Each structure stands twice: as structure tokens, then as C-alpha cells.
Amino acid sequence: MGIRVAVAGASGYAGGELLRLIAGHPHLELAVATGFAQAGSKIGAVHPHVRSLRDVVLAPTAPGVLADADLVFLALPHGESAALAAQLPESVKVVDIGADFRLKAAADWTRYYPGPHAGTWTYGLPELPGQRERIAASDRVANTGCYAVSVTLALAPLIAAGVADPEDVVVVAASGTSGAGRAAKVHLLASEVMGSLSPYKVGAHQHVPEIKQATGATSLSMTPVLAPMPRGILATVTARPLTGADPREVLAAAYDGEPFVQVLPEGQWPHTASTFGANAAHLQATVDVDSGRIVVVSAIDNLVKGAAGQAVQNANLMLGLPEAAGLTADGIAP
């Protein structure tokens, strides 16, 4: 019998990806999955691809339903996790995929999100120095944001090594439509998205303070772009150099031995398609021959390394399991 886990908000895209990963995990057993409007529906009707759990019925999202699990994944909209988490027993470990507990500064929260700041949990990015041990010792972990994963992995080692200027960082990042959630929205209709790239939340994206907090950047300009694909993020991160060090060598040294962060061979650049279905980040770096700026390109699957896969990676650490259990760095193609 496996470790009993629950998924609150299982009807969304991230929730469905969690169900898929739990179904294939060698040590985890799904105790309960909950939904809101979809409560009472079978998983097979909501997520037809998760065939092994097709007859499980989604329960209403309530603390009493979740309290018997060993660990609860909260896959809820931003701002909705805190109230539910506060009603769970202290004995239950929790990984929150939402933003509720990521930010340390209340001022950063109120600038980008509605409602009061709920507090701060251990930040769930194991590849940051010392963070793996902190996650393993924690009962409450805040999963990273999807854009934040792609940018932080590309930038944090360069700032930490004194190679990139923390006061001069520019990010342009394209994301698939699943990053906006599963709720029906006119601007996400196929007729609106296909054949078009469109910027959004220009100059005011909510992941900016999280990225600054995680990387040590003090000034960061970010332009998100909606791309006509269901999943994936491709982030291009540029920064003013402070030394003549090779940024690719710095990244390769920082992630040597990491199972899910891969600095690609010289001349090979990240593709979002190569990360589909994988709990992996692909990185490549160079120095622009004209401007002299550092350029790092990062690719992830926003639903896996950017959400559900990262959550399972954190849960594995919290539960004392092998960190890579139930996860793969290999994508699917074509």
C-alpha cells in the first residue's frame, strides 16, 4: 500500500497532470481527488487520458475530505489555497501549486494579487543552493510559478557567481495556452490563438517579484507572450555581464549532476517540444556578439516542471522518497 496523497482542484490542467503522474508513481496512492463544478464526475469524463483512474469520482473540495491523506496537493486558483490549507491538520504535508505562499514580502503580494498576504512557505525549487534540504525538512512547500522556473534556472547561478548584473535583466518568454488555466475564455479560443502571437501583462506580470526573490535580481523587465500551442515555455533571458566568464560553463557547473536540468551541448538550442511531458528544463547560453549581453534560453513544459512534476519532485523530498520517483527527464515526440 502506497503513501496516500490527495489532489484538490483535480479538474484543472495542473490537477490532471498530477493525476497522471500519481497514477504512474511507484510509491504514491491516490486517496481522493476533488473538484468544484466537476464534483460528482468521474475522472474519466474530465481527464479521458488518465485511464487508470477513470472510475474515481471527484469529491467536493472540503478540508474533511482531504484530512486523511498523508500529503495534499493544492492545485487551486491563486488566492484560494490559504483558506483551505489553514483547515488541514498539521500532520498533513501540503504542496501548494498556487501562488499563495511563494512571496516573502506582503507588499509584493498586494501589488500583483487580490486579498491579504497569507504568509510564506518553503520555496519549492530543489535546484537552488540549499533548497533541497529545506524542502525535505518542511511540511508546507510553495511550488514555483511556471515562468519563474524557466527564468530562475537560467539566471540564478549567473547572479550568484557574480557573472550577470542583477540590476539589468530582460526576459521575453512565450507560453502555451494551458498556462492560463482550463476555464473558458474568449481570448484563448482556437480561432483567437492559432496563427498568432500576442503579449499580455506587459510590464506587470505576477511572477516578476517571485523571480527577483529567487534569483537576487533587483531590476527585471519581463514580456510574456501567448503562443499558439497547448503547453510549454520558451524563455529568453538577457543580462549585462560583469565578468568575461563563459555563462554556459557557469550553468554547466551549477547543474552538474542535477537529474532534471540539462545544459545542452554547444550549438544546440532548447525547443519546447523536447520537454513535453518531461520534468525537465533545457538550457543554453551564449554572449551576444554585438551587444555583449549574456543570453540564456530556457525551455520547460509548464504543466510538468512548471507545475505538477515540480510538485511531485517536492513531495518526494518531503516524504523521504527518491527525488526522481515517478518522474522522467525524457520528453515525448513528435
Protein backbone atom coordinates (compact mmCIF):
# COMPACT_ATOMS: atom_id res chain seq x y z
CA MET A 1 0.00 0.00 0.00
CA GLY A 2 1.43 3.36 -1.07
CA ILE A 3 1.64 6.74 0.61
CA ARG A 4 -1.83 8.28 0.43
CA VAL A 5 -2.00 11.60 -1.41
CA ALA A 6 -4.89 13.88 -2.31
CA VAL A 7 -5.35 16.38 -5.13
CA ALA A 8 -7.55 19.42 -4.50
CA GLY A 9 -8.52 21.09 -7.76
CA ALA A 10 -8.06 17.92 -9.80
CA SER A 11 -10.33 19.06 -12.63
CA GLY A 12 -7.87 21.66 -13.99
CA TYR A 13 -4.91 21.14 -16.30
CA ALA A 14 -2.32 21.05 -13.50
CA GLY A 15 -4.62 18.80 -11.46
CA GLY A 16 -4.99 16.41 -14.39
CA GLU A 17 -1.22 16.29 -14.83
CA LEU A 18 -0.86 15.50 -11.12
CA LEU A 19 -3.32 12.62 -11.51
CA ARG A 20 -1.32 11.25 -14.45
CA LEU A 21 1.94 11.39 -12.51
CA ILE A 22 0.43 9.90 -9.34
CA ALA A 23 -1.08 7.05 -11.37
CA GLY A 24 2.39 6.08 -12.58
CA HIS A 25 4.23 6.71 -9.31
CA PRO A 26 5.73 3.63 -7.62
CA HIS A 27 5.16 4.89 -4.05
CA LEU A 28 2.06 7.11 -4.15
CA GLU A 29 -1.59 6.09 -3.97
CA LEU A 30 -4.44 8.47 -4.80
CA ALA A 31 -6.64 8.76 -1.70
CA VAL A 32 -9.04 11.35 -3.07
CA ALA A 33 -9.33 13.90 -5.87
CA THR A 34 -11.60 16.91 -5.57
CA GLY A 35 -13.21 19.45 -7.84
CA PHE A 36 -15.65 22.34 -7.70
CA ALA A 37 -18.09 22.44 -10.61
CA GLN A 38 -16.92 18.97 -11.66
CA ALA A 39 -17.52 17.36 -8.25
CA GLY A 40 -19.53 14.17 -8.75
CA SER A 41 -17.99 13.49 -12.17
CA LYS A 42 -15.68 10.58 -12.84
CA ILE A 43 -12.06 11.35 -13.65
CA GLY A 44 -12.51 9.51 -16.95
CA ALA A 45 -15.08 12.10 -18.02
CA VAL A 46 -12.92 15.08 -17.00
CA HIS A 47 -9.48 13.73 -17.97
CA PRO A 48 -10.02 10.96 -20.54
CA HIS A 49 -6.27 10.41 -20.89
CA VAL A 50 -5.89 9.23 -17.26
CA ARG A 51 -7.45 5.83 -17.96
CA SER A 52 -6.17 4.02 -14.89
CA LEU A 53 -8.16 6.38 -12.62
CA ARG A 54 -11.19 6.71 -14.90
CA ASP A 55 -13.74 5.38 -12.38
CA VAL A 56 -12.64 7.57 -9.46
CA VAL A 57 -15.32 10.17 -8.67
CA LEU A 58 -14.26 13.73 -7.93
CA ALA A 59 -15.31 14.74 -4.42
CA PRO A 60 -16.27 18.25 -3.28
CA THR A 61 -13.29 20.37 -2.22
CA ALA A 62 -13.57 20.43 1.57
CA PRO A 63 -10.96 20.04 4.34
CA GLY A 64 -12.67 16.99 5.83
CA VAL A 65 -12.36 15.14 2.53
CA LEU A 66 -8.61 15.79 2.38
CA ALA A 67 -7.64 15.41 6.04
CA ASP A 68 -6.91 11.66 5.96
CA ALA A 69 -4.21 11.92 3.29
CA ASP A 70 -0.51 11.86 4.13
CA LEU A 71 0.12 14.69 1.68
CA VAL A 72 -2.21 17.07 -0.14
CA PHE A 73 -1.50 18.78 -3.43
CA LEU A 74 -3.40 22.07 -3.78
CA ALA A 75 -3.99 22.81 -7.47
CA LEU A 76 -6.32 25.74 -6.91
CA PRO A 77 -6.56 29.23 -8.42
CA HIS A 78 -4.27 31.85 -6.92
CA GLY A 79 -5.65 33.15 -3.65
CA GLU A 80 -7.77 30.09 -2.85
CA SER A 81 -5.21 27.77 -1.23
CA ALA A 82 -4.63 29.65 2.03
CA ALA A 83 -8.11 29.24 3.48
CA LEU A 84 -8.18 25.51 2.73
CA ALA A 85 -4.64 24.90 3.95
CA ALA A 86 -5.44 26.59 7.27
CA GLN A 87 -8.15 23.98 7.91
CA LEU A 88 -5.95 20.93 7.29
CA PRO A 89 -4.34 19.10 10.23
CA GLU A 90 -0.72 19.96 10.95
CA SER A 91 0.11 16.29 10.48
CA VAL A 92 -0.80 16.51 6.78
CA LYS A 93 2.00 17.65 4.49
CA VAL A 94 0.97 20.14 1.79
CA VAL A 95 2.39 21.24 -1.57
CA ASP A 96 0.66 24.32 -2.95
CA ILE A 97 0.88 24.76 -6.71
CA GLY A 98 -0.73 28.21 -6.47
CA ALA A 99 0.97 31.48 -5.59
CA ASP A 100 -0.46 31.96 -2.10
CA PHE A 101 2.70 31.20 -0.12
CA ARG A 102 5.55 31.95 -2.55
CA LEU A 103 6.31 35.57 -1.75
CA LYS A 104 8.10 36.77 1.37
CA ALA A 105 7.06 40.42 1.18
CA ALA A 106 3.41 41.28 1.76
CA ALA A 107 3.88 44.38 -0.40
CA ASP A 108 4.84 42.22 -3.38
CA TRP A 109 1.70 40.12 -2.90
CA THR A 110 -0.70 43.06 -2.69
CA ARG A 111 0.88 44.65 -5.75
CA TYR A 112 0.06 41.68 -8.00
CA TYR A 113 -2.68 39.62 -6.31
CA PRO A 114 -6.05 40.31 -4.66
CA GLY A 115 -6.71 39.66 -0.99
CA PRO A 116 -4.37 39.60 2.01
CA HIS A 117 -0.92 38.01 2.05
CA ALA A 118 -1.23 34.55 3.63
CA GLY A 119 2.40 34.12 4.66
CA THR A 120 5.43 32.32 3.29
CA TRP A 121 6.22 28.63 2.97
CA THR A 122 9.45 26.90 1.95
CA TYR A 123 10.10 27.71 -1.70
CA GLY A 124 9.83 24.61 -3.86
CA LEU A 125 12.72 24.75 -6.31
CA PRO A 126 15.18 21.99 -5.28
CA GLU A 127 17.88 23.07 -7.73
CA LEU A 128 18.56 26.31 -5.84
CA PRO A 129 21.54 26.06 -3.44
CA GLY A 130 20.48 24.62 -0.08
CA GLN A 131 16.84 24.42 -1.05
CA ARG A 132 16.67 20.66 -1.48
CA GLU A 133 17.49 20.17 2.21
CA ARG A 134 14.98 22.84 3.28
CA ILE A 135 12.21 21.18 1.27
CA ALA A 136 12.99 17.76 2.73
CA ALA A 137 12.68 19.20 6.24
CA SER A 138 9.37 21.01 5.53
CA ASP A 139 5.72 20.07 5.93
CA ARG A 140 4.48 23.02 3.85
CA VAL A 141 6.03 23.85 0.47
CA ALA A 142 5.09 26.51 -2.09
CA ASN A 143 5.59 25.30 -5.64
CA THR A 144 7.26 27.71 -8.04
CA GLY A 145 5.40 29.59 -10.75
CA CYS A 146 5.85 28.24 -14.27
CA TYR A 147 7.57 31.30 -15.75
CA ALA A 148 9.58 31.56 -12.54
CA VAL A 149 11.03 28.06 -13.01
CA SER A 150 12.21 28.75 -16.53
CA VAL A 151 13.76 32.13 -15.72
CA THR A 152 15.19 31.30 -12.29
CA LEU A 153 17.05 28.24 -13.52
CA ALA A 154 18.54 30.30 -16.34
CA LEU A 155 19.52 33.29 -14.22
CA ALA A 156 20.15 32.40 -10.56
CA PRO A 157 23.61 30.74 -10.97
CA LEU A 158 24.88 33.64 -13.07
CA ILE A 159 23.91 36.24 -10.48
CA ALA A 160 25.20 34.08 -7.61
CA ALA A 161 28.57 33.73 -9.37
CA GLY A 162 28.82 37.48 -9.96
CA VAL A 163 28.76 36.95 -13.71
CA ALA A 164 25.45 38.72 -14.53
CA ASP A 165 24.37 42.18 -13.36
CA PRO A 166 21.31 41.82 -11.09
CA GLU A 167 20.29 45.39 -11.95
CA ASP A 168 19.95 44.78 -15.70
CA VAL A 169 17.86 41.71 -16.61
CA VAL A 170 15.39 41.47 -19.52
CA VAL A 171 13.12 38.49 -20.16
CA VAL A 172 10.90 37.68 -23.14
CA ALA A 173 9.06 34.39 -22.62
CA ALA A 174 6.43 32.58 -24.67
CA SER A 175 3.95 30.21 -23.03
CA GLY A 176 1.32 27.77 -24.23
CA THR A 177 -2.36 28.36 -23.56
CA SER A 178 -2.65 25.81 -20.73
CA GLY A 179 -0.76 28.29 -18.54
CA ALA A 180 -3.96 30.37 -18.39
CA GLY A 181 -5.96 27.53 -16.88
CA ARG A 182 -8.90 25.49 -18.12
CA ALA A 183 -11.73 27.99 -17.67
CA ALA A 184 -13.35 29.09 -20.94
CA LYS A 185 -12.03 32.50 -22.06
CA VAL A 186 -12.65 34.22 -25.39
CA HIS A 187 -9.02 35.20 -25.94
CA LEU A 188 -8.00 31.52 -25.59
CA LEU A 189 -10.39 30.16 -28.20
CA ALA A 190 -8.63 28.32 -31.01
CA SER A 191 -9.82 30.90 -33.54
CA GLU A 192 -8.23 33.67 -31.48
CA VAL A 193 -4.93 31.91 -30.71
CA MET A 194 -4.00 29.88 -33.79
CA GLY A 195 -1.60 31.62 -36.14
CA SER A 196 -0.97 34.45 -33.69
CA LEU A 197 1.48 35.53 -31.00
CA SER A 198 0.24 38.10 -28.50
CA PRO A 199 1.86 39.79 -25.50
CA TYR A 200 -0.02 40.08 -22.24
CA LYS A 201 0.51 41.57 -18.76
CA VAL A 202 3.36 43.58 -20.29
CA GLY A 203 5.35 45.29 -17.56
CA ALA A 204 3.18 43.85 -14.78
CA HIS A 205 3.41 40.05 -14.65
CA GLN A 206 2.87 38.49 -11.23
CA HIS A 207 5.91 36.21 -11.47
CA VAL A 208 8.36 39.15 -11.54
CA PRO A 209 8.66 39.54 -7.74
CA GLU A 210 8.99 35.78 -7.35
CA ILE A 211 11.81 35.66 -9.91
CA LYS A 212 13.59 38.57 -8.23
CA GLN A 213 13.23 36.91 -4.84
CA ALA A 214 14.58 33.57 -6.12
CA THR A 215 17.45 34.90 -8.25
CA GLY A 216 18.67 38.02 -6.46
CA ALA A 217 17.82 40.21 -9.45
CA THR A 218 16.98 43.79 -8.41
CA SER A 219 15.62 45.08 -11.72
CA LEU A 220 13.82 42.82 -14.18
CA SER A 221 11.75 43.66 -17.26
CA MET A 222 9.54 40.79 -18.43
CA THR A 223 7.35 40.48 -21.50
CA PRO A 224 5.16 37.34 -21.57
CA VAL A 225 3.84 36.13 -24.93
CA LEU A 226 0.92 33.80 -25.53
CA ALA A 227 1.93 31.18 -28.11
CA PRO A 228 -0.39 29.00 -30.25
CA MET A 229 0.48 25.72 -28.53
CA PRO A 230 -1.16 23.90 -25.62
CA ARG A 231 1.90 23.59 -23.37
CA GLY A 232 5.49 24.70 -23.00
CA ILE A 233 7.52 27.80 -22.12
CA LEU A 234 10.50 29.20 -24.01
CA ALA A 235 12.19 31.98 -22.05
CA THR A 236 14.96 34.18 -23.41
CA VAL A 237 16.84 35.82 -20.55
CA THR A 238 19.45 38.52 -21.18
CA ALA A 239 21.66 40.35 -18.71
CA ARG A 240 24.60 42.72 -18.70
CA PRO A 241 27.81 40.80 -17.97
CA LEU A 242 30.04 41.74 -15.04
CA THR A 243 32.98 39.50 -15.96
CA GLY A 244 34.34 37.72 -19.01
CA ALA A 245 33.26 34.32 -17.73
CA ASP A 246 31.55 31.92 -20.13
CA PRO A 247 27.88 31.79 -18.99
CA ARG A 248 27.40 28.32 -20.37
CA GLU A 249 30.28 26.99 -18.27
CA VAL A 250 28.83 28.64 -15.17
CA LEU A 251 25.45 26.99 -15.76
CA ALA A 252 27.02 23.61 -16.55
CA ALA A 253 28.98 23.69 -13.28
CA ALA A 254 25.92 24.77 -11.28
CA TYR A 255 23.74 21.93 -12.59
CA ASP A 256 26.33 19.18 -12.82
CA GLY A 257 24.62 16.03 -11.58
CA GLU A 258 21.13 17.53 -11.45
CA PRO A 259 18.66 14.98 -12.85
CA PHE A 260 16.16 17.44 -14.30
CA VAL A 261 18.22 20.43 -15.50
CA GLN A 262 20.18 19.88 -18.68
CA VAL A 263 22.64 22.35 -20.18
CA LEU A 264 22.61 21.35 -23.84
CA PRO A 265 25.73 20.68 -25.92
CA GLU A 266 27.36 23.63 -27.67
CA GLY A 267 25.36 24.76 -30.69
CA GLN A 268 22.15 23.01 -29.62
CA TRP A 269 19.29 25.29 -28.55
CA PRO A 270 16.23 24.43 -26.44
CA HIS A 271 12.92 23.51 -28.06
CA THR A 272 9.68 23.41 -26.11
CA ALA A 273 8.64 20.20 -27.89
CA SER A 274 11.67 18.39 -26.47
CA THR A 275 10.40 18.95 -22.92
CA PHE A 276 6.75 17.95 -23.44
CA GLY A 277 5.75 15.50 -20.71
CA ALA A 278 9.14 15.77 -19.00
CA ASN A 279 10.06 17.16 -15.61
CA ALA A 280 13.00 18.82 -17.30
CA ALA A 281 14.49 22.20 -18.08
CA HIS A 282 16.75 22.58 -21.11
CA LEU A 283 19.23 25.48 -21.08
CA GLN A 284 21.71 27.02 -23.49
CA ALA A 285 23.76 30.19 -23.12
CA THR A 286 25.99 32.46 -25.15
CA VAL A 287 27.22 36.06 -25.34
CA ASP A 288 25.67 38.31 -27.98
CA VAL A 289 28.41 39.27 -30.45
CA ASP A 290 27.00 42.78 -30.97
CA SER A 291 25.76 43.95 -27.56
CA GLY A 292 27.99 41.75 -25.42
CA ARG A 293 24.98 40.78 -23.30
CA ILE A 294 24.59 37.34 -21.78
CA VAL A 295 21.79 35.37 -23.48
CA VAL A 296 20.27 32.26 -21.89
CA VAL A 297 17.40 30.35 -23.47
CA SER A 298 15.34 28.02 -21.27
CA ALA A 299 12.60 25.53 -22.23
CA ILE A 300 10.22 23.67 -19.93
CA ASP A 301 6.81 22.02 -20.01
CA ASN A 302 4.74 24.48 -17.96
CA LEU A 303 2.45 21.69 -16.72
CA VAL A 304 5.27 19.40 -15.58
CA LYS A 305 8.49 21.10 -14.44
CA GLY A 306 6.41 24.29 -14.20
CA ALA A 307 3.63 22.76 -12.08
CA ALA A 308 2.71 19.11 -11.43
CA GLY A 309 6.10 17.47 -11.97
CA GLN A 310 7.80 20.04 -9.77
CA ALA A 311 5.12 19.38 -7.12
CA VAL A 312 5.80 15.63 -7.22
CA GLN A 313 9.55 16.29 -7.05
CA ASN A 314 8.97 18.40 -3.92
CA ALA A 315 6.61 15.79 -2.45
CA ASN A 316 9.20 13.06 -2.98
CA LEU A 317 11.71 15.07 -0.94
CA MET A 318 9.16 15.83 1.80
CA LEU A 319 8.19 12.15 2.08
CA GLY A 320 11.74 10.81 2.12
CA LEU A 321 11.35 9.14 -1.27
CA PRO A 322 13.88 9.13 -4.12
CA GLU A 323 13.63 12.61 -5.64
CA ALA A 324 13.14 11.30 -9.17
CA ALA A 325 10.49 8.69 -8.27
CA GLY A 326 7.59 8.73 -10.72
CA LEU A 327 9.26 11.38 -12.89
CA THR A 328 11.27 11.42 -16.09
CA ALA A 329 13.57 13.89 -17.79
CA ASP A 330 12.65 12.38 -21.16
CA GLY A 331 10.06 14.13 -23.30
CA ILE A 332 7.71 12.77 -25.95
CA ALA A 333 7.96 13.29 -29.69
CA PRO A 334 6.87 14.22 -32.24
